[in-house]
Amino acid sequence: MPTAGDAAVANDPWLAEVQRRWPASRIARVAALLGVLARERGSGMVTLDATAVRHLLLQAHALPPGLRQILHRLVAGGLLAHTPSEDPAGWGTYALTMPTGRTAPPSPGEPTENGDRR
């Protein structure tokens, strides 16, 4: 089961941004799961067909309305872009995106904007 642990956050600016906004939340858990699926596909995109939706629901301990709400919040926050599905059983394709004008915090040991090290 993927988690949104420190190592994953340090290596994934997208997940770091989600954690910054919603620390230790179900949104962060779903984001970690989406991040793993996107990395497995190597495209930064996740198609939520019926199988992927079931997987997310089980791993996130969510019901369909709750998962849809989480996805909507990530889209509204500029962290996901949604393309609807032509398959009535699918939920569409989601691309992991970073909001314009916002970058993730520097990794540990990397200089910050004022030159200090984290």
N, C-alpha and C. Protein backbone atom coordinates (compact mmCIF):
# COMPACT_ATOMS: atom_id res chain seq x y z
N MET A 1 0.85 -1.19 0.00
CA MET A 1 0.00 0.00 0.00
C MET A 1 0.89 1.24 0.00
N PRO A 2 0.78 2.10 -1.01
CA PRO A 2 1.59 3.32 -1.01
C PRO A 2 1.11 4.28 0.07
N THR A 3 2.06 5.01 0.61
CA THR A 3 1.72 6.01 1.61
C THR A 3 2.30 7.34 1.18
N ALA A 4 1.89 8.37 1.85
CA ALA A 4 2.40 9.71 1.56
C ALA A 4 3.50 10.05 2.57
N GLY A 5 4.45 9.14 2.74
CA GLY A 5 5.53 9.31 3.70
C GLY A 5 6.52 10.38 3.28
N ASP A 6 7.44 10.69 4.19
CA ASP A 6 8.42 11.74 3.93
C ASP A 6 9.26 11.47 2.69
N ALA A 7 9.71 10.23 2.49
CA ALA A 7 10.55 9.92 1.33
C ALA A 7 9.78 10.15 0.04
N ALA A 8 8.53 9.73 -0.02
CA ALA A 8 7.72 9.92 -1.22
C ALA A 8 7.49 11.40 -1.49
N VAL A 9 7.22 12.15 -0.44
CA VAL A 9 6.97 13.58 -0.59
C VAL A 9 8.22 14.30 -1.08
N ALA A 10 9.38 13.94 -0.52
CA ALA A 10 10.63 14.60 -0.90
C ALA A 10 10.97 14.36 -2.37
N ASN A 11 10.55 13.23 -2.92
CA ASN A 11 10.87 12.89 -4.31
C ASN A 11 9.76 13.24 -5.28
N ASP A 12 8.67 13.77 -4.82
CA ASP A 12 7.52 14.03 -5.69
C ASP A 12 6.96 15.42 -5.38
N PRO A 13 7.32 16.42 -6.19
CA PRO A 13 6.83 17.78 -5.93
C PRO A 13 5.30 17.88 -5.95
N TRP A 14 4.65 17.08 -6.79
CA TRP A 14 3.18 17.12 -6.87
C TRP A 14 2.59 16.67 -5.54
N LEU A 15 3.08 15.56 -5.03
CA LEU A 15 2.58 15.05 -3.76
C LEU A 15 2.93 15.99 -2.61
N ALA A 16 4.10 16.62 -2.69
CA ALA A 16 4.49 17.59 -1.66
C ALA A 16 3.51 18.76 -1.62
N GLU A 17 3.06 19.20 -2.78
CA GLU A 17 2.08 20.30 -2.83
C GLU A 17 0.75 19.87 -2.23
N VAL A 18 0.32 18.64 -2.53
CA VAL A 18 -0.93 18.13 -1.94
C VAL A 18 -0.78 18.07 -0.42
N GLN A 19 0.36 17.53 0.06
CA GLN A 19 0.59 17.44 1.51
C GLN A 19 0.61 18.81 2.17
N ARG A 20 1.17 19.80 1.47
CA ARG A 20 1.21 21.15 2.02
C ARG A 20 -0.20 21.69 2.23
N ARG A 21 -1.08 21.41 1.29
CA ARG A 21 -2.46 21.92 1.38
C ARG A 21 -3.34 21.11 2.32
N TRP A 22 -3.20 19.80 2.27
CA TRP A 22 -4.06 18.91 3.05
C TRP A 22 -3.21 17.87 3.78
N PRO A 23 -2.47 18.28 4.80
CA PRO A 23 -1.59 17.32 5.49
C PRO A 23 -2.40 16.24 6.22
N ALA A 24 -1.88 15.03 6.17
CA ALA A 24 -2.45 13.89 6.91
C ALA A 24 -3.96 13.78 6.71
N SER A 25 -4.39 13.80 5.47
CA SER A 25 -5.83 13.74 5.18
C SER A 25 -6.12 12.62 4.19
N ARG A 26 -7.39 12.32 4.02
CA ARG A 26 -7.80 11.34 3.01
C ARG A 26 -7.46 11.85 1.62
N ILE A 27 -7.49 13.16 1.43
CA ILE A 27 -7.09 13.74 0.13
C ILE A 27 -5.64 13.37 -0.15
N ALA A 28 -4.77 13.51 0.84
CA ALA A 28 -3.35 13.16 0.66
C ALA A 28 -3.19 11.67 0.38
N ARG A 29 -3.99 10.85 1.02
CA ARG A 29 -3.93 9.40 0.79
C ARG A 29 -4.33 9.06 -0.64
N VAL A 30 -5.42 9.64 -1.12
CA VAL A 30 -5.85 9.41 -2.51
C VAL A 30 -4.78 9.94 -3.47
N ALA A 31 -4.22 11.10 -3.16
CA ALA A 31 -3.18 11.67 -4.02
C ALA A 31 -1.97 10.74 -4.10
N ALA A 32 -1.58 10.15 -2.97
CA ALA A 32 -0.46 9.20 -2.98
C ALA A 32 -0.77 8.01 -3.87
N LEU A 33 -1.99 7.51 -3.78
CA LEU A 33 -2.41 6.39 -4.62
C LEU A 33 -2.41 6.78 -6.10
N LEU A 34 -2.92 7.96 -6.41
CA LEU A 34 -2.91 8.44 -7.80
C LEU A 34 -1.48 8.59 -8.30
N GLY A 35 -0.60 9.10 -7.44
CA GLY A 35 0.80 9.27 -7.81
C GLY A 35 1.46 7.95 -8.16
N VAL A 36 1.17 6.91 -7.37
CA VAL A 36 1.73 5.58 -7.65
C VAL A 36 1.20 5.07 -8.99
N LEU A 37 -0.10 5.20 -9.21
CA LEU A 37 -0.67 4.74 -10.48
C LEU A 37 -0.07 5.49 -11.67
N ALA A 38 0.13 6.80 -11.51
CA ALA A 38 0.70 7.60 -12.59
C ALA A 38 2.15 7.19 -12.86
N ARG A 39 2.92 6.95 -11.80
CA ARG A 39 4.32 6.52 -11.99
C ARG A 39 4.38 5.15 -12.65
N GLU A 40 3.46 4.25 -12.26
CA GLU A 40 3.43 2.91 -12.88
C GLU A 40 3.20 3.02 -14.38
N ARG A 41 2.38 3.97 -14.79
CA ARG A 41 2.08 4.14 -16.21
C ARG A 41 3.12 5.01 -16.92
N GLY A 42 3.91 5.72 -16.12
CA GLY A 42 4.98 6.54 -16.67
C GLY A 42 4.53 7.74 -17.47
N SER A 43 3.29 8.16 -17.28
CA SER A 43 2.78 9.25 -18.11
C SER A 43 2.31 10.47 -17.32
N GLY A 44 2.19 10.37 -16.02
CA GLY A 44 1.63 11.46 -15.24
C GLY A 44 0.12 11.54 -15.37
N MET A 45 -0.47 10.49 -15.97
CA MET A 45 -1.92 10.44 -16.15
C MET A 45 -2.45 9.12 -15.60
N VAL A 46 -3.68 9.17 -15.11
CA VAL A 46 -4.34 7.99 -14.58
C VAL A 46 -5.73 7.90 -15.18
N THR A 47 -6.02 6.78 -15.82
CA THR A 47 -7.37 6.54 -16.32
C THR A 47 -8.12 5.74 -15.26
N LEU A 48 -9.21 6.30 -14.79
CA LEU A 48 -9.99 5.64 -13.74
C LEU A 48 -11.10 4.81 -14.37
N ASP A 49 -10.72 3.62 -14.83
CA ASP A 49 -11.71 2.66 -15.29
C ASP A 49 -12.31 1.99 -14.06
N ALA A 50 -13.24 1.08 -14.26
CA ALA A 50 -13.93 0.45 -13.13
C ALA A 50 -12.96 -0.23 -12.17
N THR A 51 -11.93 -0.88 -12.68
CA THR A 51 -10.95 -1.58 -11.83
C THR A 51 -10.15 -0.59 -10.99
N ALA A 52 -9.68 0.48 -11.62
CA ALA A 52 -8.91 1.49 -10.89
C ALA A 52 -9.76 2.18 -9.83
N VAL A 53 -11.02 2.45 -10.14
CA VAL A 53 -11.92 3.08 -9.17
C VAL A 53 -12.10 2.17 -7.96
N ARG A 54 -12.34 0.87 -8.21
CA ARG A 54 -12.50 -0.08 -7.09
C ARG A 54 -11.24 -0.10 -6.23
N HIS A 55 -10.08 -0.11 -6.88
CA HIS A 55 -8.81 -0.10 -6.14
C HIS A 55 -8.71 1.14 -5.25
N LEU A 56 -8.98 2.31 -5.81
CA LEU A 56 -8.91 3.55 -5.03
C LEU A 56 -9.90 3.54 -3.87
N LEU A 57 -11.12 3.09 -4.13
CA LEU A 57 -12.14 3.05 -3.08
C LEU A 57 -11.70 2.17 -1.93
N LEU A 58 -11.16 0.99 -2.25
CA LEU A 58 -10.72 0.07 -1.21
C LEU A 58 -9.51 0.62 -0.45
N GLN A 59 -8.51 1.11 -1.17
CA GLN A 59 -7.29 1.57 -0.53
C GLN A 59 -7.49 2.86 0.26
N ALA A 60 -8.39 3.72 -0.19
CA ALA A 60 -8.63 4.99 0.49
C ALA A 60 -9.73 4.89 1.54
N HIS A 61 -10.37 3.72 1.63
CA HIS A 61 -11.49 3.53 2.56
C HIS A 61 -12.53 4.61 2.33
N ALA A 62 -12.93 4.75 1.08
CA ALA A 62 -13.90 5.80 0.71
C ALA A 62 -15.07 5.18 -0.02
N LEU A 63 -16.16 5.91 -0.04
CA LEU A 63 -17.32 5.57 -0.85
C LEU A 63 -17.25 6.39 -2.13
N PRO A 64 -17.94 5.96 -3.19
CA PRO A 64 -17.86 6.70 -4.46
C PRO A 64 -18.11 8.21 -4.34
N PRO A 65 -19.14 8.67 -3.59
CA PRO A 65 -19.32 10.13 -3.51
C PRO A 65 -18.14 10.83 -2.85
N GLY A 66 -17.54 10.19 -1.85
CA GLY A 66 -16.38 10.79 -1.18
C GLY A 66 -15.17 10.86 -2.09
N LEU A 67 -14.95 9.80 -2.87
CA LEU A 67 -13.83 9.80 -3.81
C LEU A 67 -14.04 10.85 -4.89
N ARG A 68 -15.26 10.97 -5.38
CA ARG A 68 -15.54 12.01 -6.39
C ARG A 68 -15.29 13.41 -5.82
N GLN A 69 -15.66 13.61 -4.55
CA GLN A 69 -15.44 14.91 -3.90
C GLN A 69 -13.94 15.20 -3.79
N ILE A 70 -13.16 14.19 -3.43
CA ILE A 70 -11.71 14.38 -3.33
C ILE A 70 -11.13 14.73 -4.70
N LEU A 71 -11.52 14.00 -5.73
CA LEU A 71 -11.03 14.29 -7.08
C LEU A 71 -11.43 15.71 -7.50
N HIS A 72 -12.66 16.09 -7.18
CA HIS A 72 -13.12 17.45 -7.52
C HIS A 72 -12.27 18.50 -6.80
N ARG A 73 -11.94 18.27 -5.54
CA ARG A 73 -11.12 19.24 -4.79
C ARG A 73 -9.72 19.35 -5.40
N LEU A 74 -9.16 18.22 -5.83
CA LEU A 74 -7.84 18.25 -6.46
C LEU A 74 -7.90 18.97 -7.81
N VAL A 75 -8.99 18.78 -8.56
CA VAL A 75 -9.16 19.51 -9.83
C VAL A 75 -9.33 20.99 -9.55
N ALA A 76 -10.20 21.34 -8.59
CA ALA A 76 -10.44 22.75 -8.26
C ALA A 76 -9.16 23.42 -7.75
N GLY A 77 -8.29 22.66 -7.10
CA GLY A 77 -7.04 23.21 -6.60
C GLY A 77 -5.94 23.29 -7.64
N GLY A 78 -6.23 22.89 -8.87
CA GLY A 78 -5.25 22.95 -9.94
C GLY A 78 -4.23 21.82 -9.91
N LEU A 79 -4.51 20.77 -9.15
CA LEU A 79 -3.56 19.66 -9.03
C LEU A 79 -3.91 18.47 -9.92
N LEU A 80 -5.10 18.47 -10.47
CA LEU A 80 -5.50 17.45 -11.44
C LEU A 80 -6.23 18.14 -12.58
N ALA A 81 -6.07 17.59 -13.77
CA ALA A 81 -6.87 18.01 -14.93
C ALA A 81 -7.69 16.79 -15.33
N HIS A 82 -8.98 16.98 -15.56
CA HIS A 82 -9.90 15.87 -15.83
C HIS A 82 -10.35 15.87 -17.29
N THR A 83 -10.30 14.68 -17.88
CA THR A 83 -10.89 14.45 -19.20
C THR A 83 -11.96 13.38 -19.02
N PRO A 84 -13.22 13.69 -19.29
CA PRO A 84 -14.30 12.71 -19.09
C PRO A 84 -14.09 11.45 -19.92
N SER A 85 -14.67 10.37 -19.44
CA SER A 85 -14.56 9.07 -20.11
C SER A 85 -15.72 8.86 -21.07
N GLU A 86 -15.44 8.17 -22.16
CA GLU A 86 -16.51 7.76 -23.07
C GLU A 86 -17.17 6.49 -22.56
N ASP A 87 -16.47 5.77 -21.68
CA ASP A 87 -16.99 4.54 -21.08
C ASP A 87 -17.89 4.93 -19.91
N PRO A 88 -19.16 4.53 -19.94
CA PRO A 88 -20.06 4.91 -18.84
C PRO A 88 -19.63 4.37 -17.48
N ALA A 89 -18.86 3.29 -17.45
CA ALA A 89 -18.40 2.72 -16.17
C ALA A 89 -17.14 3.41 -15.67
N GLY A 90 -16.46 4.16 -16.54
CA GLY A 90 -15.22 4.82 -16.16
C GLY A 90 -15.46 6.22 -15.64
N TRP A 91 -14.49 6.74 -14.91
CA TRP A 91 -14.60 8.09 -14.34
C TRP A 91 -13.77 9.09 -15.11
N GLY A 92 -13.10 8.65 -16.16
CA GLY A 92 -12.30 9.56 -16.96
C GLY A 92 -10.82 9.43 -16.69
N THR A 93 -10.07 10.33 -17.29
CA THR A 93 -8.62 10.35 -17.14
C THR A 93 -8.24 11.61 -16.38
N TYR A 94 -7.31 11.45 -15.47
CA TYR A 94 -6.83 12.57 -14.65
C TYR A 94 -5.33 12.73 -14.89
N ALA A 95 -4.91 13.95 -15.17
CA ALA A 95 -3.50 14.27 -15.32
C ALA A 95 -3.04 15.02 -14.09
N LEU A 96 -1.90 14.63 -13.54
CA LEU A 96 -1.32 15.32 -12.39
C LEU A 96 -0.73 16.63 -12.89
N THR A 97 -1.13 17.74 -12.28
CA THR A 97 -0.68 19.06 -12.71
C THR A 97 -0.25 19.89 -11.50
N MET A 98 0.60 20.84 -11.74
CA MET A 98 0.99 21.79 -10.69
C MET A 98 0.30 23.11 -11.00
N PRO A 99 -0.27 23.76 -9.99
CA PRO A 99 -0.92 25.04 -10.22
C PRO A 99 0.08 26.07 -10.76
N THR A 100 -0.38 26.93 -11.62
CA THR A 100 0.46 27.97 -12.19
C THR A 100 0.95 28.89 -11.08
N GLY A 101 2.24 29.21 -11.13
CA GLY A 101 2.80 30.15 -10.16
C GLY A 101 3.13 29.52 -8.83
N ARG A 102 2.94 28.24 -8.69
CA ARG A 102 3.24 27.58 -7.41
C ARG A 102 4.19 26.41 -7.66
N THR A 103 5.24 26.36 -6.93
CA THR A 103 6.13 25.21 -6.98
C THR A 103 6.21 24.59 -5.60
N ALA A 104 6.57 23.35 -5.56
CA ALA A 104 6.69 22.65 -4.29
C ALA A 104 7.87 23.20 -3.50
N PRO A 105 7.86 23.05 -2.18
CA PRO A 105 8.98 23.52 -1.39
C PRO A 105 10.25 22.76 -1.75
N PRO A 106 11.42 23.37 -1.51
CA PRO A 106 12.67 22.69 -1.84
C PRO A 106 12.83 21.40 -1.04
N SER A 107 13.57 20.47 -1.60
CA SER A 107 13.88 19.23 -0.89
C SER A 107 14.86 19.52 0.23
N PRO A 108 14.95 18.64 1.22
CA PRO A 108 15.92 18.84 2.30
C PRO A 108 17.33 19.00 1.74
N GLY A 109 18.05 19.99 2.25
CA GLY A 109 19.41 20.25 1.80
C GLY A 109 19.50 21.17 0.60
N GLU A 110 18.37 21.43 -0.05
CA GLU A 110 18.34 22.31 -1.21
C GLU A 110 18.15 23.75 -0.73
N PRO A 111 18.82 24.73 -1.35
CA PRO A 111 18.66 26.10 -0.90
C PRO A 111 17.22 26.60 -1.07
N THR A 112 16.76 27.39 -0.11
CA THR A 112 15.45 28.02 -0.21
C THR A 112 15.60 29.35 -0.95
N GLU A 113 14.50 30.08 -1.10
CA GLU A 113 14.53 31.35 -1.84
C GLU A 113 15.52 32.35 -1.23
N ASN A 114 15.69 32.32 0.10
CA ASN A 114 16.60 33.28 0.74
C ASN A 114 18.01 32.72 0.93
N GLY A 115 18.29 31.54 0.36
CA GLY A 115 19.64 30.97 0.41
C GLY A 115 19.88 30.02 1.57
N ASP A 116 18.97 29.99 2.56
CA ASP A 116 19.11 29.06 3.67
C ASP A 116 18.92 27.63 3.19
N ARG A 117 19.39 26.71 3.95
CA ARG A 117 19.17 25.29 3.63
C ARG A 117 18.08 24.74 4.53
N ARG A 118 17.26 23.87 3.96
CA ARG A 118 16.20 23.24 4.76
C ARG A 118 16.77 22.16 5.62
